[in-house]
N, C-alpha and C. Protein backbone atom coordinates (compact mmCIF):
# COMPACT_ATOMS: atom_id res chain seq x y z
N MET A 1 -73.15 36.95 -35.56
CA MET A 1 -72.37 36.74 -34.37
C MET A 1 -72.93 35.53 -33.63
N ILE A 2 -72.06 34.65 -33.19
CA ILE A 2 -72.47 33.43 -32.50
C ILE A 2 -72.46 33.69 -31.01
N SER A 3 -73.53 33.29 -30.34
CA SER A 3 -73.63 33.45 -28.90
C SER A 3 -73.13 32.18 -28.23
N VAL A 4 -72.14 32.31 -27.35
CA VAL A 4 -71.58 31.16 -26.64
C VAL A 4 -71.96 31.30 -25.17
N PRO A 5 -72.55 30.24 -24.58
CA PRO A 5 -72.93 30.33 -23.17
C PRO A 5 -71.71 30.61 -22.28
N ILE A 6 -71.96 31.29 -21.17
CA ILE A 6 -70.87 31.68 -20.26
C ILE A 6 -70.13 30.46 -19.73
N ARG A 7 -70.84 29.37 -19.43
CA ARG A 7 -70.19 28.17 -18.90
C ARG A 7 -69.20 27.60 -19.91
N VAL A 8 -69.56 27.65 -21.17
CA VAL A 8 -68.67 27.12 -22.22
C VAL A 8 -67.42 28.00 -22.33
N ARG A 9 -67.61 29.32 -22.30
CA ARG A 9 -66.46 30.23 -22.37
C ARG A 9 -65.56 30.05 -21.17
N THR A 10 -66.13 29.92 -19.97
CA THR A 10 -65.34 29.74 -18.77
C THR A 10 -64.55 28.44 -18.84
N ALA A 11 -65.20 27.36 -19.31
CA ALA A 11 -64.51 26.07 -19.43
C ALA A 11 -63.39 26.16 -20.46
N ALA A 12 -63.62 26.87 -21.56
CA ALA A 12 -62.59 27.01 -22.59
C ALA A 12 -61.39 27.79 -22.06
N VAL A 13 -61.64 28.86 -21.31
CA VAL A 13 -60.55 29.65 -20.74
C VAL A 13 -59.76 28.80 -19.75
N ALA A 14 -60.46 28.03 -18.91
CA ALA A 14 -59.79 27.17 -17.94
C ALA A 14 -58.95 26.10 -18.64
N LEU A 15 -59.46 25.55 -19.73
CA LEU A 15 -58.74 24.53 -20.48
C LEU A 15 -57.47 25.09 -21.11
N VAL A 16 -57.56 26.30 -21.69
CA VAL A 16 -56.38 26.95 -22.28
C VAL A 16 -55.36 27.27 -21.20
N ALA A 17 -55.81 27.76 -20.04
CA ALA A 17 -54.88 28.08 -18.95
C ALA A 17 -54.19 26.82 -18.45
N ALA A 18 -54.91 25.72 -18.33
CA ALA A 18 -54.30 24.47 -17.88
C ALA A 18 -53.29 23.95 -18.90
N ALA A 19 -53.60 24.08 -20.18
CA ALA A 19 -52.67 23.63 -21.22
C ALA A 19 -51.40 24.46 -21.21
N LEU A 20 -51.53 25.77 -21.03
CA LEU A 20 -50.34 26.62 -20.97
C LEU A 20 -49.51 26.32 -19.73
N ALA A 21 -50.15 26.06 -18.61
CA ALA A 21 -49.42 25.75 -17.39
C ALA A 21 -48.68 24.43 -17.52
N ALA A 22 -49.26 23.47 -18.23
CA ALA A 22 -48.62 22.17 -18.41
C ALA A 22 -47.38 22.28 -19.30
N CYS A 23 -47.38 23.25 -20.20
CA CYS A 23 -46.25 23.43 -21.11
C CYS A 23 -45.12 24.25 -20.49
N ALA A 24 -45.42 24.92 -19.40
CA ALA A 24 -44.41 25.80 -18.80
C ALA A 24 -43.30 24.97 -18.17
N THR A 25 -42.11 25.52 -18.22
CA THR A 25 -40.98 24.85 -17.59
C THR A 25 -40.45 25.71 -16.46
N ALA A 26 -39.86 25.08 -15.49
CA ALA A 26 -39.29 25.81 -14.36
C ALA A 26 -38.04 26.54 -14.83
N PRO A 27 -37.81 27.74 -14.33
CA PRO A 27 -36.60 28.47 -14.73
C PRO A 27 -35.35 27.79 -14.17
N GLU A 28 -34.27 27.95 -14.89
CA GLU A 28 -32.99 27.39 -14.44
C GLU A 28 -32.53 28.12 -13.19
N PRO A 29 -32.04 27.43 -12.18
CA PRO A 29 -31.56 28.12 -10.98
C PRO A 29 -30.33 28.96 -11.27
N VAL A 30 -30.25 30.08 -10.63
CA VAL A 30 -29.11 30.99 -10.80
C VAL A 30 -28.00 30.51 -9.87
N THR A 31 -26.83 30.25 -10.44
CA THR A 31 -25.73 29.73 -9.63
C THR A 31 -24.58 30.70 -9.52
N THR A 32 -24.73 31.88 -10.08
CA THR A 32 -23.65 32.85 -10.00
C THR A 32 -23.71 33.59 -8.66
N THR A 33 -22.59 33.99 -8.18
CA THR A 33 -22.55 34.77 -6.95
C THR A 33 -22.45 36.24 -7.32
N PRO A 34 -23.08 37.10 -6.55
CA PRO A 34 -23.02 38.52 -6.88
C PRO A 34 -21.62 39.08 -6.67
N GLU A 35 -21.32 40.10 -7.45
CA GLU A 35 -20.03 40.78 -7.32
C GLU A 35 -19.99 41.53 -5.99
N PRO A 36 -18.88 41.49 -5.28
CA PRO A 36 -18.80 42.24 -4.03
C PRO A 36 -18.78 43.74 -4.32
N VAL A 37 -19.38 44.49 -3.44
CA VAL A 37 -19.41 45.94 -3.58
C VAL A 37 -18.09 46.50 -3.10
N THR A 38 -17.41 47.23 -3.97
CA THR A 38 -16.11 47.77 -3.60
C THR A 38 -16.17 49.28 -3.39
N ARG A 39 -17.30 49.89 -3.77
CA ARG A 39 -17.42 51.34 -3.57
C ARG A 39 -17.79 51.63 -2.12
N VAL A 40 -17.23 52.69 -1.60
CA VAL A 40 -17.59 53.16 -0.28
C VAL A 40 -18.49 54.37 -0.46
N PRO A 41 -19.69 54.36 0.16
CA PRO A 41 -20.56 55.52 -0.01
C PRO A 41 -19.90 56.78 0.54
N THR A 42 -20.10 57.87 -0.17
CA THR A 42 -19.52 59.14 0.27
C THR A 42 -20.49 59.87 1.18
N ILE A 43 -19.97 60.67 2.07
CA ILE A 43 -20.77 61.46 2.99
C ILE A 43 -20.69 62.90 2.55
N SER A 44 -21.86 63.54 2.45
CA SER A 44 -21.87 64.93 2.01
C SER A 44 -21.22 65.81 3.07
N ALA A 45 -20.81 67.00 2.68
CA ALA A 45 -20.16 67.93 3.60
C ALA A 45 -21.08 68.31 4.74
N ALA A 46 -22.39 68.43 4.46
CA ALA A 46 -23.34 68.80 5.52
C ALA A 46 -23.44 67.72 6.57
N MET A 47 -23.36 66.46 6.15
CA MET A 47 -23.45 65.37 7.11
C MET A 47 -22.14 65.15 7.85
N ALA A 48 -21.04 65.60 7.28
CA ALA A 48 -19.74 65.37 7.90
C ALA A 48 -19.55 66.23 9.14
N THR A 49 -20.27 67.33 9.25
CA THR A 49 -20.12 68.21 10.42
C THR A 49 -21.23 67.91 11.42
N VAL A 50 -21.04 66.87 12.19
CA VAL A 50 -22.03 66.45 13.18
C VAL A 50 -21.98 67.41 14.36
N PRO A 51 -23.15 67.89 14.83
CA PRO A 51 -23.15 68.80 15.96
C PRO A 51 -22.64 68.10 17.22
N ASP A 52 -21.90 68.84 18.02
CA ASP A 52 -21.37 68.28 19.27
C ASP A 52 -21.58 69.31 20.37
N PRO A 53 -22.31 69.02 21.41
CA PRO A 53 -22.90 67.75 21.80
C PRO A 53 -24.14 67.43 20.97
N ASP A 54 -24.55 66.18 21.00
CA ASP A 54 -25.70 65.71 20.25
C ASP A 54 -26.96 66.42 20.73
N PRO A 55 -27.67 67.16 19.85
CA PRO A 55 -28.85 67.92 20.28
C PRO A 55 -30.04 67.05 20.68
N ARG A 56 -29.99 65.74 20.41
CA ARG A 56 -31.09 64.86 20.80
C ARG A 56 -31.07 64.52 22.28
N VAL A 57 -29.95 64.73 22.93
CA VAL A 57 -29.82 64.39 24.35
C VAL A 57 -30.58 65.42 25.18
N GLY A 58 -31.44 64.94 26.06
CA GLY A 58 -32.16 65.82 26.98
C GLY A 58 -33.39 66.50 26.43
N LEU A 59 -33.96 66.01 25.33
CA LEU A 59 -35.18 66.62 24.78
C LEU A 59 -36.36 66.37 25.71
N ARG A 60 -37.25 67.36 25.84
CA ARG A 60 -38.43 67.18 26.67
C ARG A 60 -39.50 66.41 25.91
N ALA A 61 -40.30 65.65 26.65
CA ALA A 61 -41.37 64.86 26.06
C ALA A 61 -42.62 65.71 25.92
N GLY A 62 -43.54 65.25 25.10
CA GLY A 62 -44.82 65.95 24.96
C GLY A 62 -45.53 65.53 23.70
N ARG A 63 -46.87 65.58 23.74
CA ARG A 63 -47.65 65.18 22.56
C ARG A 63 -47.59 66.27 21.49
N THR A 64 -47.79 67.53 21.88
CA THR A 64 -47.78 68.62 20.90
C THR A 64 -46.67 69.62 21.15
N ASP A 65 -45.97 69.50 22.26
CA ASP A 65 -44.91 70.47 22.58
C ASP A 65 -43.60 69.78 22.92
N ALA A 66 -43.33 68.64 22.28
CA ALA A 66 -42.09 67.91 22.54
C ALA A 66 -40.90 68.71 22.04
N GLY A 67 -39.75 68.48 22.65
CA GLY A 67 -38.53 69.13 22.21
C GLY A 67 -38.15 68.65 20.81
N GLN A 68 -37.40 69.47 20.11
CA GLN A 68 -37.00 69.13 18.74
C GLN A 68 -35.49 69.24 18.60
N ALA A 69 -34.94 68.32 17.85
CA ALA A 69 -33.52 68.37 17.52
C ALA A 69 -33.43 68.21 16.01
N ILE A 70 -33.44 69.30 15.30
CA ILE A 70 -33.41 69.26 13.84
C ILE A 70 -32.01 69.63 13.39
N TRP A 71 -31.41 68.74 12.63
CA TRP A 71 -30.08 68.97 12.10
C TRP A 71 -30.12 68.76 10.59
N ASN A 72 -29.67 69.72 9.86
CA ASN A 72 -29.62 69.65 8.41
C ASN A 72 -31.02 69.62 7.78
N MET A 73 -32.03 70.16 8.50
CA MET A 73 -33.39 70.26 7.99
C MET A 73 -34.00 71.56 8.49
N ARG A 74 -35.18 71.88 7.96
CA ARG A 74 -35.89 73.07 8.40
C ARG A 74 -37.36 72.71 8.56
N LEU A 75 -37.94 72.96 9.73
CA LEU A 75 -39.35 72.68 9.99
C LEU A 75 -40.20 73.71 9.26
N LEU A 76 -41.12 73.22 8.42
CA LEU A 76 -41.98 74.11 7.66
C LEU A 76 -43.36 74.25 8.29
N SER A 77 -43.84 73.19 8.92
CA SER A 77 -45.16 73.24 9.51
C SER A 77 -45.26 72.22 10.63
N ASN A 78 -46.03 72.55 11.65
CA ASN A 78 -46.33 71.63 12.73
C ASN A 78 -47.80 71.80 13.05
N THR A 79 -48.64 71.10 12.29
CA THR A 79 -50.08 71.23 12.42
C THR A 79 -50.61 70.22 13.41
N PRO A 80 -51.36 70.67 14.42
CA PRO A 80 -51.93 69.72 15.39
C PRO A 80 -52.89 68.75 14.71
N THR A 81 -52.97 67.54 15.25
CA THR A 81 -53.86 66.52 14.71
C THR A 81 -55.31 66.90 14.99
N PRO A 82 -56.20 66.83 13.99
CA PRO A 82 -57.62 67.10 14.23
C PRO A 82 -58.21 66.08 15.22
N GLU A 83 -59.23 66.48 15.96
CA GLU A 83 -59.80 65.68 17.05
C GLU A 83 -60.14 64.23 16.67
N PRO A 84 -60.79 63.96 15.53
CA PRO A 84 -61.13 62.55 15.26
C PRO A 84 -59.91 61.64 15.09
N PHE A 85 -58.74 62.21 14.87
CA PHE A 85 -57.55 61.41 14.60
C PHE A 85 -56.55 61.43 15.75
N THR A 86 -56.89 62.08 16.86
CA THR A 86 -55.97 62.17 17.99
C THR A 86 -55.78 60.81 18.62
N GLY A 87 -54.53 60.43 18.88
CA GLY A 87 -54.21 59.17 19.54
C GLY A 87 -54.28 57.95 18.65
N VAL A 88 -54.40 58.12 17.35
CA VAL A 88 -54.47 56.99 16.43
C VAL A 88 -53.17 56.91 15.65
N THR A 89 -52.68 55.71 15.45
CA THR A 89 -51.43 55.51 14.70
C THR A 89 -51.64 55.83 13.23
N ASN A 90 -50.82 56.71 12.69
CA ASN A 90 -50.84 56.97 11.25
C ASN A 90 -50.09 55.84 10.57
N SER A 91 -50.74 55.17 9.63
CA SER A 91 -50.16 53.97 9.04
C SER A 91 -49.77 54.11 7.58
N ASP A 92 -50.31 55.07 6.87
CA ASP A 92 -50.05 55.19 5.44
C ASP A 92 -49.79 56.64 5.06
N LEU A 93 -48.98 56.81 4.02
CA LEU A 93 -48.69 58.14 3.49
C LEU A 93 -48.54 58.03 1.98
N ALA A 94 -49.30 58.84 1.26
CA ALA A 94 -49.23 58.84 -0.20
C ALA A 94 -49.18 60.28 -0.68
N PHE A 95 -48.68 60.47 -1.89
CA PHE A 95 -48.56 61.81 -2.46
C PHE A 95 -49.23 61.83 -3.82
N LEU A 96 -49.95 62.92 -4.11
CA LEU A 96 -50.60 63.09 -5.39
C LEU A 96 -50.54 64.57 -5.73
N GLY A 97 -49.65 64.93 -6.64
CA GLY A 97 -49.49 66.33 -7.01
C GLY A 97 -49.05 67.17 -5.82
N ASP A 98 -49.86 68.16 -5.47
CA ASP A 98 -49.55 69.05 -4.35
C ASP A 98 -50.18 68.59 -3.04
N TYR A 99 -50.58 67.32 -2.96
CA TYR A 99 -51.27 66.84 -1.77
C TYR A 99 -50.56 65.63 -1.16
N ALA A 100 -50.58 65.58 0.16
CA ALA A 100 -50.14 64.40 0.90
C ALA A 100 -51.38 63.80 1.52
N ILE A 101 -51.58 62.50 1.34
CA ILE A 101 -52.73 61.81 1.90
C ILE A 101 -52.20 60.96 3.05
N GLN A 102 -52.64 61.28 4.26
CA GLN A 102 -52.18 60.60 5.47
C GLN A 102 -53.31 59.71 5.96
N GLY A 103 -53.08 58.40 5.97
CA GLY A 103 -54.12 57.46 6.36
C GLY A 103 -53.85 56.85 7.71
N ASN A 104 -54.92 56.51 8.41
CA ASN A 104 -54.80 55.79 9.68
C ASN A 104 -56.06 54.95 9.85
N TYR A 105 -56.22 54.33 11.01
CA TYR A 105 -57.32 53.41 11.24
C TYR A 105 -58.67 54.10 11.38
N ASN A 106 -58.71 55.41 11.48
CA ASN A 106 -59.98 56.15 11.55
C ASN A 106 -60.36 56.78 10.22
N GLY A 107 -59.54 56.64 9.20
CA GLY A 107 -59.84 57.25 7.91
C GLY A 107 -58.58 57.87 7.32
N PHE A 108 -58.74 58.99 6.64
CA PHE A 108 -57.58 59.65 6.04
C PHE A 108 -57.76 61.15 6.08
N GLN A 109 -56.63 61.84 5.98
CA GLN A 109 -56.59 63.30 5.92
C GLN A 109 -55.83 63.70 4.68
N VAL A 110 -56.24 64.77 4.03
CA VAL A 110 -55.56 65.28 2.84
C VAL A 110 -54.93 66.61 3.21
N TRP A 111 -53.63 66.71 3.00
CA TRP A 111 -52.88 67.93 3.34
C TRP A 111 -52.38 68.59 2.07
N ASP A 112 -52.55 69.90 1.97
CA ASP A 112 -52.02 70.67 0.84
C ASP A 112 -50.55 70.98 1.15
N ILE A 113 -49.64 70.45 0.34
CA ILE A 113 -48.21 70.65 0.58
C ILE A 113 -47.59 71.48 -0.54
N SER A 114 -48.40 72.29 -1.22
CA SER A 114 -47.89 73.08 -2.34
C SER A 114 -46.92 74.15 -1.90
N ASP A 115 -47.01 74.60 -0.66
CA ASP A 115 -46.11 75.63 -0.17
C ASP A 115 -44.98 75.00 0.61
């Protein structure tokens, strides 16, 4: 087996990359216009029956006891935020199997959502 110094390998890789880039051509511009959408989205029967009056009007404010207006959904859990995360904006949400990972500027929380 021949040993090649790292500098020589790096220079060879850079040379091959430069040669490939020099041979590349720019793609042809697309001049076709998209087809207009002629389908009208359908509304499900559940969404067609909008509650009247609107339940969002007049909701009370609150951090943990705010009013709720849930339509076409069911609340499964309302878990208070743990102390280290109170008052911090939640910025990320990811899912992995039966877990939801909720991230914010103070770290992250893992929630079991199997139920």
